[in-house]
Amino acid sequence: MAKKTDMDFTKRTVIAMAQEMVNAKSAVDRSFAAFKALAKEHGVKMPKPD
């Protein structure tokens, strides 16, 4: 079993990584929304995912 200090460190690390993932997803969503608007403006249809 890992020591409590190791578990606390791991938990803090996972929490920090989760926050980074949420921030990155928000940034990607914002840029994708902007890209979709740009594509629509130029009459480009967005393809469906494979």
PDB file of N, CA and C in Angstrom:
ATOM      1  N   MET A   1       0.853  -1.189   0.000  1.00  0.00           N
ATOM      2  CA  MET A   1       0.000   0.000   0.000  1.00  0.00           C
ATOM      3  C   MET A   1       0.891   1.242   0.000  1.00  0.00           C
ATOM      4  N   ALA A   2       0.539   2.221  -0.777  1.00  0.00           N
ATOM      5  CA  ALA A   2       1.330   3.459  -0.850  1.00  0.00           C
ATOM      6  C   ALA A   2       1.159   4.253   0.439  1.00  0.00           C
ATOM      7  N   LYS A   3       2.193   4.996   0.762  1.00  0.00           N
ATOM      8  CA  LYS A   3       2.128   5.845   1.954  1.00  0.00           C
ATOM      9  C   LYS A   3       1.092   6.934   1.736  1.00  0.00           C
ATOM     10  N   LYS A   4       0.535   7.426   2.830  1.00  0.00           N
ATOM     11  CA  LYS A   4      -0.497   8.465   2.742  1.00  0.00           C
ATOM     12  C   LYS A   4       0.030   9.696   2.011  1.00  0.00           C
ATOM     13  N   THR A   5       1.281  10.080   2.266  1.00  0.00           N
ATOM     14  CA  THR A   5       1.836  11.264   1.591  1.00  0.00           C
ATOM     15  C   THR A   5       1.907  11.044   0.090  1.00  0.00           C
ATOM     16  N   ASP A   6       2.238   9.811  -0.324  1.00  0.00           N
ATOM     17  CA  ASP A   6       2.271   9.488  -1.754  1.00  0.00           C
ATOM     18  C   ASP A   6       0.875   9.583  -2.360  1.00  0.00           C
ATOM     19  N   MET A   7      -0.120   9.074  -1.626  1.00  0.00           N
ATOM     20  CA  MET A   7      -1.497   9.113  -2.114  1.00  0.00           C
ATOM     21  C   MET A   7      -1.969  10.565  -2.235  1.00  0.00           C
ATOM     22  N   ASP A   8      -1.643  11.396  -1.245  1.00  0.00           N
ATOM     23  CA  ASP A   8      -2.035  12.809  -1.277  1.00  0.00           C
ATOM     24  C   ASP A   8      -1.396  13.509  -2.474  1.00  0.00           C
ATOM     25  N   PHE A   9      -0.121  13.214  -2.714  1.00  0.00           N
ATOM     26  CA  PHE A   9       0.581  13.822  -3.844  1.00  0.00           C
ATOM     27  C   PHE A   9      -0.072  13.397  -5.160  1.00  0.00           C
ATOM     28  N   THR A  10      -0.367  12.098  -5.267  1.00  0.00           N
ATOM     29  CA  THR A  10      -0.988  11.573  -6.488  1.00  0.00           C
ATOM     30  C   THR A  10      -2.353  12.208  -6.700  1.00  0.00           C
ATOM     31  N   LYS A  11      -3.130  12.330  -5.628  1.00  0.00           N
ATOM     32  CA  LYS A  11      -4.466  12.919  -5.737  1.00  0.00           C
ATOM     33  C   LYS A  11      -4.360  14.370  -6.199  1.00  0.00           C
ATOM     34  N   ARG A  12      -3.434  15.133  -5.620  1.00  0.00           N
ATOM     35  CA  ARG A  12      -3.255  16.532  -6.037  1.00  0.00           C
ATOM     36  C   ARG A  12      -2.831  16.614  -7.499  1.00  0.00           C
ATOM     37  N   THR A  13      -1.969  15.698  -7.909  1.00  0.00           N
ATOM     38  CA  THR A  13      -1.504  15.661  -9.301  1.00  0.00           C
ATOM     39  C   THR A  13      -2.662  15.366 -10.240  1.00  0.00           C
ATOM     40  N   VAL A  14      -3.492  14.383  -9.877  1.00  0.00           N
ATOM     41  CA  VAL A  14      -4.642  14.019 -10.717  1.00  0.00           C
ATOM     42  C   VAL A  14      -5.627  15.185 -10.782  1.00  0.00           C
ATOM     43  N   ILE A  15      -5.852  15.865  -9.673  1.00  0.00           N
ATOM     44  CA  ILE A  15      -6.754  17.026  -9.660  1.00  0.00           C
ATOM     45  C   ILE A  15      -6.205  18.116 -10.583  1.00  0.00           C
ATOM     46  N   ALA A  16      -4.915  18.376 -10.519  1.00  0.00           N
ATOM     47  CA  ALA A  16      -4.295  19.385 -11.379  1.00  0.00           C
ATOM     48  C   ALA A  16      -4.409  18.982 -12.850  1.00  0.00           C
ATOM     49  N   MET A  17      -4.191  17.699 -13.146  1.00  0.00           N
ATOM     50  CA  MET A  17      -4.297  17.225 -14.527  1.00  0.00           C
ATOM     51  C   MET A  17      -5.735  17.342 -15.024  1.00  0.00           C
ATOM     52  N   ALA A  18      -6.699  17.042 -14.167  1.00  0.00           N
ATOM     53  CA  ALA A  18      -8.113  17.142 -14.536  1.00  0.00           C
ATOM     54  C   ALA A  18      -8.453  18.590 -14.894  1.00  0.00           C
ATOM     55  N   GLN A  19      -7.945  19.526 -14.106  1.00  0.00           N
ATOM     56  CA  GLN A  19      -8.194  20.942 -14.381  1.00  0.00           C
ATOM     57  C   GLN A  19      -7.593  21.341 -15.730  1.00  0.00           C
ATOM     58  N   GLU A  20      -6.385  20.868 -16.010  1.00  0.00           N
ATOM     59  CA  GLU A  20      -5.737  21.165 -17.296  1.00  0.00           C
ATOM     60  C   GLU A  20      -6.543  20.597 -18.457  1.00  0.00           C
ATOM     61  N   MET A  21      -7.071  19.381 -18.286  1.00  0.00           N
ATOM     62  CA  MET A  21      -7.862  18.754 -19.347  1.00  0.00           C
ATOM     63  C   MET A  21      -9.131  19.557 -19.612  1.00  0.00           C
ATOM     64  N   VAL A  22      -9.790  20.005 -18.539  1.00  0.00           N
ATOM     65  CA  VAL A  22     -11.017  20.797 -18.678  1.00  0.00           C
ATOM     66  C   VAL A  22     -10.700  22.114 -19.384  1.00  0.00           C
ATOM     67  N   ASN A  23      -9.601  22.758 -18.992  1.00  0.00           N
ATOM     68  CA  ASN A  23      -9.202  24.013 -19.635  1.00  0.00           C
ATOM     69  C   ASN A  23      -8.897  23.793 -21.108  1.00  0.00           C
ATOM     70  N   ALA A  24      -8.190  22.721 -21.426  1.00  0.00           N
ATOM     71  CA  ALA A  24      -7.832  22.425 -22.816  1.00  0.00           C
ATOM     72  C   ALA A  24      -9.086  22.144 -23.636  1.00  0.00           C
ATOM     73  N   LYS A  25     -10.027  21.391 -23.070  1.00  0.00           N
ATOM     74  CA  LYS A  25     -11.262  21.083 -23.791  1.00  0.00           C
ATOM     75  C   LYS A  25     -12.038  22.364 -24.061  1.00  0.00           C
ATOM     76  N   SER A  26     -12.093  23.256 -23.097  1.00  0.00           N
ATOM     77  CA  SER A  26     -12.794  24.529 -23.295  1.00  0.00           C
ATOM     78  C   SER A  26     -12.157  25.325 -24.426  1.00  0.00           C
ATOM     79  N   ALA A  27     -10.839  25.363 -24.452  1.00  0.00           N
ATOM     80  CA  ALA A  27     -10.122  26.099 -25.499  1.00  0.00           C
ATOM     81  C   ALA A  27     -10.384  25.474 -26.862  1.00  0.00           C
ATOM     82  N   VAL A  28     -10.365  24.147 -26.938  1.00  0.00           N
ATOM     83  CA  VAL A  28     -10.624  23.453 -28.204  1.00  0.00           C
ATOM     84  C   VAL A  28     -12.059  23.718 -28.653  1.00  0.00           C
ATOM     85  N   ASP A  29     -12.995  23.646 -27.721  1.00  0.00           N
ATOM     86  CA  ASP A  29     -14.398  23.899 -28.063  1.00  0.00           C
ATOM     87  C   ASP A  29     -14.582  25.315 -28.607  1.00  0.00           C
ATOM     88  N   ARG A  30     -13.928  26.285 -27.969  1.00  0.00           N
ATOM     89  CA  ARG A  30     -14.041  27.681 -28.433  1.00  0.00           C
ATOM     90  C   ARG A  30     -13.450  27.835 -29.821  1.00  0.00           C
ATOM     91  N   SER A  31     -12.274  27.266 -30.049  1.00  0.00           N
ATOM     92  CA  SER A  31     -11.650  27.423 -31.361  1.00  0.00           C
ATOM     93  C   SER A  31     -12.426  26.650 -32.423  1.00  0.00           C
ATOM     94  N   PHE A  32     -13.012  25.508 -32.058  1.00  0.00           N
ATOM     95  CA  PHE A  32     -13.811  24.748 -33.014  1.00  0.00           C
ATOM     96  C   PHE A  32     -15.070  25.529 -33.385  1.00  0.00           C
ATOM     97  N   ALA A  33     -15.688  26.166 -32.401  1.00  0.00           N
ATOM     98  CA  ALA A  33     -16.880  26.977 -32.674  1.00  0.00           C
ATOM     99  C   ALA A  33     -16.523  28.116 -33.631  1.00  0.00           C
ATOM    100  N   ALA A  34     -15.382  28.750 -33.404  1.00  0.00           N
ATOM    101  CA  ALA A  34     -14.937  29.836 -34.290  1.00  0.00           C
ATOM    102  C   ALA A  34     -14.662  29.295 -35.692  1.00  0.00           C
ATOM    103  N   PHE A  35     -14.047  28.141 -35.772  1.00  0.00           N
ATOM    104  CA  PHE A  35     -13.747  27.537 -37.070  1.00  0.00           C
ATOM    105  C   PHE A  35     -15.034  27.178 -37.820  1.00  0.00           C
ATOM    106  N   LYS A  36     -16.016  26.617 -37.099  1.00  0.00           N
ATOM    107  CA  LYS A  36     -17.288  26.267 -37.732  1.00  0.00           C
ATOM    108  C   LYS A  36     -17.964  27.521 -38.288  1.00  0.00           C
ATOM    109  N   ALA A  37     -17.913  28.611 -37.540  1.00  0.00           N
ATOM    110  CA  ALA A  37     -18.508  29.867 -38.005  1.00  0.00           C
ATOM    111  C   ALA A  37     -17.793  30.353 -39.270  1.00  0.00           C
ATOM    112  N   LEU A  38     -16.487  30.251 -39.284  1.00  0.00           N
ATOM    113  CA  LEU A  38     -15.692  30.656 -40.449  1.00  0.00           C
ATOM    114  C   LEU A  38     -16.042  29.786 -41.661  1.00  0.00           C
ATOM    115  N   ALA A  39     -16.133  28.474 -41.446  1.00  0.00           N
ATOM    116  CA  ALA A  39     -16.475  27.553 -42.526  1.00  0.00           C
ATOM    117  C   ALA A  39     -17.865  27.873 -43.074  1.00  0.00           C
ATOM    118  N   LYS A  40     -18.809  28.120 -42.177  1.00  0.00           N
ATOM    119  CA  LYS A  40     -20.182  28.433 -42.591  1.00  0.00           C
ATOM    120  C   LYS A  40     -20.204  29.717 -43.423  1.00  0.00           C
ATOM    121  N   GLU A  41     -19.438  30.696 -42.980  1.00  0.00           N
ATOM    122  CA  GLU A  41     -19.342  31.977 -43.683  1.00  0.00           C
ATOM    123  C   GLU A  41     -18.875  31.784 -45.119  1.00  0.00           C
ATOM    124  N   HIS A  42     -18.015  30.788 -45.330  1.00  0.00           N
ATOM    125  CA  HIS A  42     -17.459  30.520 -46.655  1.00  0.00           C
ATOM    126  C   HIS A  42     -18.217  29.415 -47.392  1.00  0.00           C
ATOM    127  N   GLY A  43     -19.334  28.978 -46.808  1.00  0.00           N
ATOM    128  CA  GLY A  43     -20.152  27.970 -47.454  1.00  0.00           C
ATOM    129  C   GLY A  43     -19.544  26.574 -47.478  1.00  0.00           C
ATOM    130  N   VAL A  44     -18.657  26.302 -46.529  1.00  0.00           N
ATOM    131  CA  VAL A  44     -18.034  24.975 -46.453  1.00  0.00           C
ATOM    132  C   VAL A  44     -18.813  24.127 -45.459  1.00  0.00           C
ATOM    133  N   LYS A  45     -19.267  22.960 -45.927  1.00  0.00           N
ATOM    134  CA  LYS A  45     -19.986  22.038 -45.039  1.00  0.00           C
ATOM    135  C   LYS A  45     -18.988  21.249 -44.206  1.00  0.00           C
ATOM    136  N   MET A  46     -19.283  21.132 -42.934  1.00  0.00           N
ATOM    137  CA  MET A  46     -18.413  20.350 -42.054  1.00  0.00           C
ATOM    138  C   MET A  46     -18.683  18.869 -42.317  1.00  0.00           C
ATOM    139  N   PRO A  47     -17.618  18.075 -42.554  1.00  0.00           N
ATOM    140  CA  PRO A  47     -17.838  16.643 -42.770  1.00  0.00           C
ATOM    141  C   PRO A  47     -18.204  15.944 -41.467  1.00  0.00           C
ATOM    142  N   LYS A  48     -18.869  14.813 -41.604  1.00  0.00           N
ATOM    143  CA  LYS A  48     -19.190  13.993 -40.426  1.00  0.00           C
ATOM    144  C   LYS A  48     -17.939  13.230 -40.008  1.00  0.00           C
ATOM    145  N   PRO A  49     -17.761  12.990 -38.718  1.00  0.00           N
ATOM    146  CA  PRO A  49     -16.604  12.187 -38.278  1.00  0.00           C
ATOM    147  C   PRO A  49     -16.675  10.773 -38.860  1.00  0.00           C
ATOM    148  N   ASP A  50     -15.528  10.172 -39.089  1.00  0.00           N
ATOM    149  CA  ASP A  50     -15.478   8.801 -39.628  1.00  0.00           C
ATOM    150  C   ASP A  50     -15.973   7.809 -38.600  1.00  0.00           C
TER     151      ASP A  50
END
